[in-house]
Amino acid sequence: MSEQSRRKFIKHLGSTAALLGVGPLAALAKDRETMELLQPADYVSSNDKIRLACFGMGIMGFGDVNCALKVPGVEFVAAADLYDGHLTRVKEIYGKQVFTTRDYREILRRKDIDAVIIATPDFWHDTMAIDAMNAGKAVYCEKPMVQQIDEGHQVIATQQRTKAVFQVGSQRVSSIVLAEARKKYLAGEIGQLNIVEARMDRHSALGAWQYSIPPDASPKTVDFDTYLKDTSKIPFDPKRFFRWRNYKAYGTGIPGDLFVHLISGLHYITGSLGPERVYATGNLVQWKDGRDVPDVVVAIFDYPATSTHPAFQMTLRVNFADGGGGGEFTRLIGTDGVMELGGNEFKIKKHKLPQAPGYGGWDTFNTFPEATQQQFVDNYKQQYGANPSKAEVTTSNFTAPAGYDDRLDHFRNFFESVRTGKQVVEDATFGLRAAGPALLSNESYFSKQLIHWDPVAMKIV
């Protein structure tokens, strides 16, 4: 099409042409895509036996023990839980030789226990972790590390005083996927980071924590009074024991269960210490089953500029009432590209702007008089050349091998630290810096206020 014909065409189409971006000099895109298979590190097995115990044999307790036993040299010898059925199940799966008790302190008094997993409801984490470190045990504590900010500082102080091996169980920081993502970020692959956005949506009863309750649950089979710890004393309620995540007295809601994973991964990739402002809002939309925490939460975090990253904003969303079925992603958006993480893979997509800005389409060019348009085109060709420039779009994909389990790598790292004394990948300080912003989300939601945070001192300002 000649320039004259093109101008007549645009003139006849009017605003429709502007919407469609008609014109040969409008920017076009050229796509390129690559795939890279990541390889896990080779681990050298040790003959040093580690005798392991677990406090809290619920979903995470059994899952963590099953994973830990895949590491050579680990032996599961003791379990503590306040529901007798969980202890019966321990012996069914792992053998009658496993010592079981309702009182975790019996296990801590044993000299033959090297390490403990803490997989209890959140409000027990600090007490058990401190007791275990004081007893000379290595500790693998499920996330979030603590339920309250001040508890986190007590855990940090105990770890520093006892020199105990202490690792938080946000396994993504041991993932080969996040390790590669960190390398790409530090190499400047996405340019200057400016926005982080993540969502983790669900639409199922189990996904919304309506877990199964055993038919034999009763004051006889559950030590409910001990379970309540320092919270309000109430009559036996199986929902508050088996569905504890639904209550702010015992858990940390959506932020502590799910936000903390996203925050841990972000801090690992960027080296960030945390945000300086947090605001959260939400609602209880669908799961009105007596819970006192929301099933929809959206939070905004303002991260200040540091020596490792520029200032940026992060938005996290979890929606348990997603009628579309749910889904999740995490996106780090920079000036030169976007890093999108999900599952055991990530991709970097780059949209490189052409040197020439283009004209026509949704542009003022079509509003110029014909003579002015011709003058503009002549000037444009002189500056940028006669051929239209193309935006170049490249997508690089990185994936772990099929069956890869980052939790197994997390336990390998933990047990290596137990055996050799090397630094863990997620210590108590890292744990509080990840849990802190999540806990502040709850603080903001319930107080309906913007919360100011000192990410270095890890304190509310």
Protein backbone atom coordinates (compact mmCIF):
# COMPACT_ATOMS: atom_id res chain seq x y z
CA MET A 1 0.00 0.00 0.00
CA SER A 2 1.39 3.42 -0.98
CA GLU A 3 1.71 6.25 1.54
CA GLN A 4 -1.08 8.16 -0.24
CA SER A 5 -3.40 5.13 -0.26
CA ARG A 6 -2.59 4.47 3.37
CA ARG A 7 -3.56 8.00 4.37
CA LYS A 8 -6.86 7.72 2.51
CA PHE A 9 -7.53 4.39 4.19
CA ILE A 10 -6.97 5.85 7.66
CA LYS A 11 -9.09 8.86 6.80
CA HIS A 12 -12.04 6.66 5.86
CA LEU A 13 -11.71 4.39 8.88
CA GLY A 14 -11.48 7.30 11.32
CA SER A 15 -11.44 6.36 14.97
CA THR A 16 -11.76 2.64 14.25
CA ALA A 17 -8.37 2.72 12.58
CA ALA A 18 -6.91 4.42 15.62
CA LEU A 19 -8.22 1.66 17.87
CA LEU A 20 -6.87 -1.12 15.65
CA GLY A 21 -3.41 0.42 15.18
CA VAL A 22 -3.53 0.52 11.38
CA GLY A 23 -0.36 1.55 9.55
CA PRO A 24 2.85 -0.16 8.43
CA LEU A 25 4.95 1.99 10.71
CA ALA A 26 3.09 0.91 13.84
CA ALA A 27 5.40 -1.19 16.07
CA LEU A 28 5.36 -4.91 15.38
CA ALA A 29 6.68 -7.69 17.62
CA LYS A 30 9.00 -10.58 16.96
CA ASP A 31 8.92 -13.47 19.44
CA ARG A 32 11.71 -15.83 20.55
CA GLU A 33 11.37 -18.48 23.24
CA THR A 34 13.90 -20.80 24.91
CA MET A 35 13.73 -23.53 27.59
CA GLU A 36 16.41 -24.54 30.13
CA LEU A 37 16.20 -27.61 32.38
CA LEU A 38 17.73 -26.93 35.80
CA GLN A 39 19.79 -29.62 37.54
CA PRO A 40 19.73 -30.28 41.30
CA ALA A 41 23.01 -30.32 43.18
CA ASP A 42 24.68 -33.63 44.01
CA TYR A 43 24.47 -34.35 47.73
CA VAL A 44 27.10 -36.46 49.44
CA SER A 45 25.45 -38.88 51.87
CA SER A 46 26.81 -38.99 55.40
CA ASN A 47 26.94 -42.02 57.66
CA ASP A 48 26.32 -39.84 60.72
CA LYS A 49 22.95 -40.88 62.13
CA ILE A 50 20.51 -38.16 63.12
CA ARG A 51 17.74 -39.19 65.51
CA LEU A 52 14.67 -37.13 64.76
CA ALA A 53 11.48 -36.30 66.67
CA CYS A 54 8.41 -34.36 65.59
CA PHE A 55 6.04 -32.20 67.63
CA GLY A 56 2.59 -32.03 66.03
CA MET A 57 1.60 -34.97 63.84
CA GLY A 58 -0.99 -33.28 61.66
CA ILE A 59 -0.82 -32.66 57.92
CA MET A 60 2.54 -30.89 58.04
CA GLY A 61 3.96 -33.23 60.68
CA PHE A 62 3.43 -36.39 58.65
CA GLY A 63 4.47 -34.62 55.46
CA ASP A 64 7.68 -33.30 56.98
CA VAL A 65 8.63 -36.62 58.56
CA ASN A 66 8.02 -38.51 55.31
CA CYS A 67 10.25 -36.04 53.48
CA ALA A 68 12.96 -35.98 56.16
CA LEU A 69 13.27 -39.76 56.09
CA LYS A 70 14.32 -39.59 52.44
CA VAL A 71 17.60 -38.07 53.60
CA PRO A 72 20.15 -40.83 54.29
CA GLY A 73 21.08 -41.35 57.92
CA VAL A 74 17.89 -39.90 59.42
CA GLU A 75 15.93 -42.06 61.88
CA PHE A 76 12.48 -41.12 63.23
CA VAL A 77 12.34 -42.10 66.89
CA ALA A 78 9.75 -39.99 68.73
CA ALA A 79 6.55 -38.00 68.26
CA ALA A 80 4.40 -35.75 70.43
CA ASP A 81 0.79 -34.81 69.77
CA LEU A 82 -2.27 -33.95 71.83
CA TYR A 83 -4.64 -36.22 69.86
CA ASP A 84 -4.28 -39.92 70.60
CA GLY A 85 -5.34 -40.88 67.07
CA HIS A 86 -2.34 -39.09 65.59
CA LEU A 87 -0.01 -41.05 67.88
CA THR A 88 -1.70 -44.32 66.93
CA ARG A 89 -1.22 -43.44 63.28
CA VAL A 90 2.48 -42.76 63.90
CA LYS A 91 2.98 -46.33 65.08
CA GLU A 92 0.90 -47.69 62.19
CA ILE A 93 3.13 -45.97 59.62
CA TYR A 94 6.59 -45.82 61.22
CA GLY A 95 6.54 -48.78 63.58
CA LYS A 96 5.74 -49.61 67.20
CA GLN A 97 9.30 -48.76 68.22
CA VAL A 98 8.63 -45.02 67.78
CA PHE A 99 8.16 -43.39 71.18
CA THR A 100 4.93 -41.38 71.43
CA THR A 101 3.67 -38.98 74.06
CA ARG A 102 1.26 -36.12 74.62
CA ASP A 103 3.99 -34.16 76.42
CA TYR A 104 6.73 -32.89 74.10
CA ARG A 105 8.93 -32.13 77.12
CA GLU A 106 9.40 -35.88 77.67
CA ILE A 107 11.13 -36.02 74.31
CA LEU A 108 13.32 -33.00 75.03
CA ARG A 109 14.62 -34.70 78.18
CA ARG A 110 15.94 -37.61 76.12
CA LYS A 111 19.66 -37.38 75.36
CA ASP A 112 19.42 -39.49 72.21
CA ILE A 113 17.29 -36.99 70.26
CA ASP A 114 19.38 -34.83 67.91
CA ALA A 115 16.76 -32.76 66.10
CA VAL A 116 13.07 -31.92 66.28
CA ILE A 117 10.50 -30.79 63.76
CA ILE A 118 7.91 -28.35 65.10
CA ALA A 119 4.73 -28.70 63.06
CA THR A 120 2.16 -27.60 65.61
CA PRO A 121 -0.37 -24.75 65.36
CA ASP A 122 1.39 -21.40 65.09
CA PHE A 123 0.82 -20.23 68.68
CA TRP A 124 2.97 -23.08 70.00
CA HIS A 125 5.98 -22.45 67.73
CA ASP A 126 7.91 -20.04 69.94
CA THR A 127 7.50 -22.01 73.17
CA MET A 128 8.54 -25.33 71.68
CA ALA A 129 11.40 -23.83 69.66
CA ILE A 130 12.87 -22.06 72.68
CA ASP A 131 12.49 -25.15 74.88
CA ALA A 132 14.10 -27.35 72.23
CA MET A 133 17.09 -25.06 71.69
CA ASN A 134 17.60 -24.77 75.44
CA ALA A 135 17.61 -28.57 75.56
CA GLY A 136 20.41 -28.68 72.98
CA LYS A 137 18.33 -29.88 70.05
CA ALA A 138 18.52 -28.73 66.44
CA VAL A 139 15.17 -27.27 65.35
CA TYR A 140 13.26 -27.30 62.06
CA CYS A 141 10.29 -24.99 62.72
CA GLU A 142 7.40 -24.76 60.30
CA LYS A 143 6.39 -21.37 58.96
CA PRO A 144 5.44 -18.83 60.07
CA MET A 145 8.21 -18.93 62.63
CA VAL A 146 6.05 -17.24 65.27
CA GLN A 147 2.55 -15.92 65.83
CA GLN A 148 3.59 -12.59 67.40
CA ILE A 149 6.47 -10.20 66.60
CA ASP A 150 7.89 -10.17 70.13
CA GLU A 151 8.02 -13.97 70.11
CA GLY A 152 10.28 -13.78 67.09
CA HIS A 153 12.83 -11.68 68.93
CA GLN A 154 12.83 -14.21 71.78
CA VAL A 155 13.49 -17.05 69.35
CA ILE A 156 16.34 -15.09 67.73
CA ALA A 157 17.88 -14.33 71.13
CA THR A 158 17.68 -18.00 72.15
CA GLN A 159 19.27 -19.19 68.92
CA GLN A 160 22.09 -16.69 69.27
CA ARG A 161 22.68 -17.60 72.90
CA THR A 162 22.54 -21.39 72.51
CA LYS A 163 24.19 -21.49 69.04
CA ALA A 164 21.60 -24.14 68.14
CA VAL A 165 20.93 -25.09 64.53
CA PHE A 166 17.57 -23.50 63.77
CA GLN A 167 15.85 -23.46 60.39
CA VAL A 168 12.42 -22.21 59.36
CA GLY A 169 10.41 -24.49 57.09
CA SER A 170 9.66 -22.22 54.13
CA GLN A 171 11.18 -24.68 51.70
CA ARG A 172 11.22 -22.44 48.64
CA VAL A 173 14.46 -20.79 49.73
CA SER A 174 16.21 -24.12 49.12
CA SER A 175 14.70 -24.56 45.66
CA ILE A 176 16.99 -24.81 42.64
CA VAL A 177 14.33 -22.79 40.83
CA LEU A 178 14.59 -19.85 43.21
CA ALA A 179 18.38 -20.14 43.22
CA GLU A 180 18.41 -19.68 39.44
CA ALA A 181 15.81 -16.91 39.66
CA ARG A 182 18.03 -15.12 42.18
CA LYS A 183 21.02 -15.38 39.85
CA LYS A 184 19.02 -13.95 36.96
CA TYR A 185 17.68 -11.12 39.10
CA LEU A 186 21.11 -10.17 40.46
CA ALA A 187 22.49 -10.26 36.91
CA GLY A 188 20.00 -7.53 35.99
CA GLU A 189 17.89 -9.67 33.65
CA ILE A 190 14.69 -7.74 34.42
CA GLY A 191 16.28 -4.33 34.85
CA GLN A 192 15.11 -2.16 37.74
CA LEU A 193 12.48 -3.88 39.86
CA ASN A 194 9.42 -1.69 40.39
CA ILE A 195 6.41 -3.91 41.10
CA VAL A 196 5.89 -7.37 42.63
CA GLU A 197 2.48 -8.96 42.41
CA ALA A 198 1.37 -12.38 43.54
CA ARG A 199 -1.87 -14.23 43.95
CA MET A 200 -2.71 -17.60 45.49
CA ASP A 201 -6.41 -18.29 45.01
CA ARG A 202 -8.46 -21.38 45.88
CA HIS A 203 -12.00 -22.66 45.70
CA SER A 204 -12.44 -25.82 47.76
CA ALA A 205 -13.46 -26.69 51.29
CA LEU A 206 -10.12 -28.31 52.10
CA GLY A 207 -8.27 -25.40 50.53
CA ALA A 208 -10.23 -23.12 52.87
CA TRP A 209 -9.09 -25.22 55.87
CA GLN A 210 -12.32 -27.14 56.50
CA TYR A 211 -10.24 -30.18 57.38
CA SER A 212 -11.75 -33.55 58.31
CA ILE A 213 -12.56 -34.09 61.98
CA PRO A 214 -12.17 -37.65 63.33
CA PRO A 215 -15.40 -39.15 64.73
CA ASP A 216 -13.64 -40.13 67.98
CA ALA A 217 -12.60 -36.55 68.80
CA SER A 218 -13.53 -35.91 72.42
CA PRO A 219 -12.08 -34.56 75.67
CA LYS A 220 -10.87 -38.13 76.31
CA THR A 221 -8.86 -38.46 73.07
CA VAL A 222 -7.71 -34.81 72.84
CA ASP A 223 -5.84 -32.91 75.57
CA PHE A 224 -7.72 -29.72 74.79
CA ASP A 225 -6.81 -27.87 77.98
CA THR A 226 -3.09 -28.20 77.25
CA TYR A 227 -3.68 -27.25 73.62
CA LEU A 228 -5.25 -23.91 74.65
CA LYS A 229 -1.96 -22.87 76.25
CA ASP A 230 -2.30 -19.21 77.31
CA THR A 231 -5.42 -18.46 75.23
CA SER A 232 -8.93 -18.14 76.64
CA LYS A 233 -10.16 -21.26 78.40
CA ILE A 234 -13.20 -22.64 76.58
CA PRO A 235 -15.09 -25.97 76.50
CA PHE A 236 -13.85 -28.66 74.14
CA ASP A 237 -14.35 -27.67 70.51
CA PRO A 238 -12.98 -30.07 67.88
CA LYS A 239 -13.10 -27.38 65.18
CA ARG A 240 -10.69 -25.20 67.12
CA PHE A 241 -8.30 -28.12 67.41
CA PHE A 242 -8.46 -29.73 63.96
CA ARG A 243 -9.29 -26.53 62.01
CA TRP A 244 -7.12 -24.20 64.05
CA ARG A 245 -6.05 -22.09 61.05
CA ASN A 246 -9.55 -20.56 61.06
CA TYR A 247 -9.02 -18.81 64.40
CA LYS A 248 -6.70 -15.91 65.16
CA ALA A 249 -6.11 -17.19 68.71
CA TYR A 250 -4.19 -20.21 67.40
CA GLY A 251 -3.05 -19.42 63.86
CA THR A 252 -2.12 -16.49 61.65
CA GLY A 253 -4.77 -16.76 58.94
CA ILE A 254 -4.07 -16.31 55.25
CA PRO A 255 -1.01 -14.06 55.75
CA GLY A 256 0.80 -16.48 58.07
CA ASP A 257 -0.08 -19.57 56.07
CA LEU A 258 0.38 -18.29 52.51
CA PHE A 259 1.77 -14.74 52.33
CA VAL A 260 4.85 -15.87 54.25
CA HIS A 261 5.80 -18.28 51.43
CA LEU A 262 5.68 -15.47 48.88
CA ILE A 263 7.57 -13.05 51.13
CA SER A 264 10.28 -15.63 51.91
CA GLY A 265 10.87 -16.24 48.22
CA LEU A 266 10.99 -12.53 47.41
CA HIS A 267 13.47 -11.80 50.20
CA TYR A 268 15.68 -14.67 49.06
CA ILE A 269 15.71 -13.50 45.44
CA THR A 270 16.24 -9.79 46.09
CA GLY A 271 18.16 -9.81 49.37
CA SER A 272 15.52 -7.53 50.88
CA LEU A 273 15.10 -7.11 54.62
CA GLY A 274 11.43 -6.21 54.35
CA PRO A 275 8.93 -3.40 53.72
CA GLU A 276 8.55 -0.15 55.62
CA ARG A 277 4.75 0.17 55.22
CA VAL A 278 1.99 -2.45 55.12
CA TYR A 279 -1.72 -2.05 54.49
CA ALA A 280 -4.18 -4.94 54.22
CA THR A 281 -7.88 -5.25 53.61
CA GLY A 282 -10.26 -8.09 52.86
CA ASN A 283 -13.49 -9.80 53.83
CA LEU A 284 -15.16 -13.00 54.95
CA VAL A 285 -17.07 -13.91 51.81
CA GLN A 286 -17.87 -17.60 51.52
CA TRP A 287 -16.58 -19.73 54.39
CA LYS A 288 -18.80 -18.46 57.21
CA ASP A 289 -18.27 -21.53 59.38
CA GLY A 290 -17.53 -19.78 62.67
CA ARG A 291 -14.00 -18.69 61.73
CA ASP A 292 -12.85 -15.25 62.83
CA VAL A 293 -10.30 -14.66 60.05
CA PRO A 294 -11.07 -13.49 56.48
CA ASP A 295 -11.14 -15.75 53.43
CA VAL A 296 -10.12 -12.89 51.10
CA VAL A 297 -7.08 -10.73 51.85
CA VAL A 298 -5.27 -8.16 49.71
CA ALA A 299 -2.15 -6.47 51.08
CA ILE A 300 0.17 -3.75 49.77
CA PHE A 301 3.79 -3.55 50.93
CA ASP A 302 6.10 -0.59 50.29
CA TYR A 303 9.74 -1.68 50.13
CA PRO A 304 12.34 1.08 50.56
CA ALA A 305 15.43 1.42 48.40
CA THR A 306 18.47 -0.41 49.79
CA SER A 307 21.94 -1.31 48.60
CA THR A 308 20.54 -4.53 47.08
CA HIS A 309 17.37 -3.30 45.40
CA PRO A 310 15.45 -0.14 44.41
CA ALA A 311 12.23 0.96 46.04
CA PHE A 312 9.28 -1.11 44.86
CA GLN A 313 5.71 -2.00 45.75
CA MET A 314 4.34 -5.50 46.32
CA THR A 315 0.70 -6.57 46.20
CA LEU A 316 -0.31 -9.99 47.54
CA ARG A 317 -3.77 -11.49 47.19
CA VAL A 318 -5.34 -14.69 48.44
CA ASN A 319 -8.97 -15.45 47.62
CA PHE A 320 -10.60 -18.61 48.97
CA ALA A 321 -13.86 -17.63 47.22
CA ASP A 322 -12.56 -17.74 43.65
CA GLY A 323 -15.45 -19.16 41.64
CA GLY A 324 -13.11 -19.70 38.70
CA GLY A 325 -11.33 -22.49 40.55
CA GLY A 326 -8.25 -20.64 41.77
CA GLY A 327 -4.67 -20.42 40.59
CA GLU A 328 -1.43 -18.78 41.57
CA PHE A 329 1.54 -16.85 40.26
CA THR A 330 4.28 -14.51 41.45
CA ARG A 331 5.57 -11.79 39.12
CA LEU A 332 8.60 -9.55 39.59
CA ILE A 333 8.19 -6.69 37.13
CA GLY A 334 11.21 -4.67 36.05
CA THR A 335 12.00 -2.05 33.47
CA ASP A 336 13.63 -4.58 31.13
CA GLY A 337 11.57 -7.70 31.76
CA VAL A 338 9.19 -9.69 33.93
CA MET A 339 10.04 -12.76 36.01
CA GLU A 340 7.04 -15.02 36.61
CA LEU A 341 7.33 -17.89 39.09
CA GLY A 342 4.94 -20.77 39.59
CA GLY A 343 5.44 -24.30 40.86
CA ASN A 344 8.89 -25.68 40.02
CA GLU A 345 9.54 -23.33 37.14
CA PHE A 346 9.85 -19.69 36.17
CA LYS A 347 10.16 -17.65 33.03
CA ILE A 348 11.61 -14.29 32.09
CA LYS A 349 9.78 -12.36 29.41
CA LYS A 350 11.43 -9.31 27.86
CA HIS A 351 9.74 -6.76 25.65
CA LYS A 352 12.48 -4.65 24.13
CA LEU A 353 11.23 -1.35 22.83
CA PRO A 354 12.18 -0.47 19.23
CA GLN A 355 14.38 2.53 18.62
CA ALA A 356 11.59 4.13 16.60
CA PRO A 357 8.45 5.02 18.56
CA GLY A 358 6.07 4.32 15.68
CA TYR A 359 3.10 6.43 14.68
CA GLY A 360 -0.48 5.94 13.61
CA GLY A 361 -2.83 3.66 15.51
CA TRP A 362 -3.95 5.20 18.78
CA ASP A 363 -1.98 8.35 18.15
CA THR A 364 -2.37 12.04 17.37
CA PHE A 365 -0.88 11.46 13.89
CA ASN A 366 -4.32 10.77 12.40
CA THR A 367 -5.60 14.15 13.59
CA PHE A 368 -2.97 16.14 11.62
CA PRO A 369 -3.83 17.84 8.31
CA GLU A 370 -2.73 15.79 5.29
CA ALA A 371 0.19 18.09 4.47
CA THR A 372 1.37 17.95 8.08
CA GLN A 373 1.11 14.18 8.05
CA GLN A 374 3.36 14.03 4.98
CA GLN A 375 5.87 16.35 6.60
CA PHE A 376 5.82 14.19 9.75
CA VAL A 377 6.43 11.02 7.69
CA ASP A 378 9.32 12.60 5.82
CA ASN A 379 10.93 13.70 9.08
CA TYR A 380 10.30 10.29 10.64
CA LYS A 381 11.96 8.42 7.75
CA GLN A 382 14.92 10.74 7.88
CA GLN A 383 15.39 10.07 11.59
CA TYR A 384 14.54 6.35 11.83
CA GLY A 385 14.68 4.98 8.27
CA ALA A 386 11.99 3.79 5.89
CA ASN A 387 11.35 0.33 7.40
CA PRO A 388 9.18 -0.02 10.49
CA SER A 389 10.97 -0.96 13.71
CA LYS A 390 9.89 -4.07 15.55
CA ALA A 391 9.58 -4.64 19.27
CA GLU A 392 11.52 -7.78 20.17
CA VAL A 393 9.84 -10.16 22.63
CA THR A 394 11.95 -12.96 24.14
CA THR A 395 10.82 -15.56 26.65
CA SER A 396 13.30 -17.73 28.57
CA ASN A 397 11.85 -20.67 30.52
CA PHE A 398 13.58 -22.46 33.40
CA THR A 399 12.20 -25.62 34.97
CA ALA A 400 13.20 -28.25 37.49
CA PRO A 401 13.21 -31.93 36.50
CA ALA A 402 9.95 -33.87 36.85
CA GLY A 403 9.39 -34.95 40.44
CA TYR A 404 11.72 -32.36 41.94
CA ASP A 405 10.89 -31.59 45.61
CA ASP A 406 12.23 -28.39 47.14
CA ARG A 407 11.17 -29.52 50.62
CA LEU A 408 13.58 -32.45 50.32
CA ASP A 409 16.40 -30.04 49.45
CA HIS A 410 15.37 -27.90 52.43
CA PHE A 411 15.70 -30.90 54.75
CA ARG A 412 19.00 -31.87 53.14
CA ASN A 413 20.31 -28.40 53.90
CA PHE A 414 19.00 -28.60 57.47
CA PHE A 415 20.56 -31.99 58.23
CA GLU A 416 23.83 -30.92 56.62
CA SER A 417 23.89 -28.02 59.07
CA VAL A 418 23.16 -30.41 61.94
CA ARG A 419 26.05 -32.64 60.87
CA THR A 420 28.64 -30.01 59.96
CA GLY A 421 27.58 -26.83 61.76
CA LYS A 422 27.39 -24.87 58.51
CA GLN A 423 25.02 -21.91 58.30
CA VAL A 424 21.40 -22.82 57.62
CA VAL A 425 19.65 -21.28 54.63
CA GLU A 426 16.80 -19.80 56.67
CA ASP A 427 17.74 -18.87 60.21
CA ALA A 428 15.63 -17.23 62.91
CA THR A 429 16.41 -13.69 61.75
CA PHE A 430 15.40 -14.50 58.18
CA GLY A 431 12.34 -16.21 59.61
CA LEU A 432 11.16 -13.14 61.49
CA ARG A 433 11.87 -10.86 58.53
CA ALA A 434 9.58 -13.08 56.46
CA ALA A 435 6.94 -13.63 59.14
CA GLY A 436 6.93 -9.99 60.24
CA PRO A 437 5.29 -8.49 57.14
CA ALA A 438 2.74 -11.32 57.12
CA LEU A 439 1.85 -10.70 60.76
CA LEU A 440 1.64 -6.96 60.04
CA SER A 441 -0.95 -7.77 57.37
CA ASN A 442 -3.15 -9.21 60.11
CA GLU A 443 -2.43 -6.20 62.31
CA SER A 444 -3.46 -3.86 59.52
CA TYR A 445 -6.56 -5.86 58.60
CA PHE A 446 -7.99 -6.01 62.11
CA SER A 447 -7.02 -2.44 63.07
CA LYS A 448 -7.93 -1.00 59.66
CA GLN A 449 -4.72 1.03 59.74
CA LEU A 450 -1.51 1.49 57.79
CA ILE A 451 1.33 -0.14 59.73
CA HIS A 452 4.85 1.31 59.68
CA TRP A 453 7.69 -1.20 60.07
CA ASP A 454 11.42 -0.96 60.66
CA PRO A 455 12.78 -3.83 58.53
CA VAL A 456 16.26 -3.61 60.08
CA ALA A 457 15.24 -3.63 63.75
CA MET A 458 12.15 -5.76 62.90
CA LYS A 459 9.82 -3.62 64.97
CA ILE A 460 6.58 -1.71 64.48
CA VAL A 461 7.33 2.00 64.30
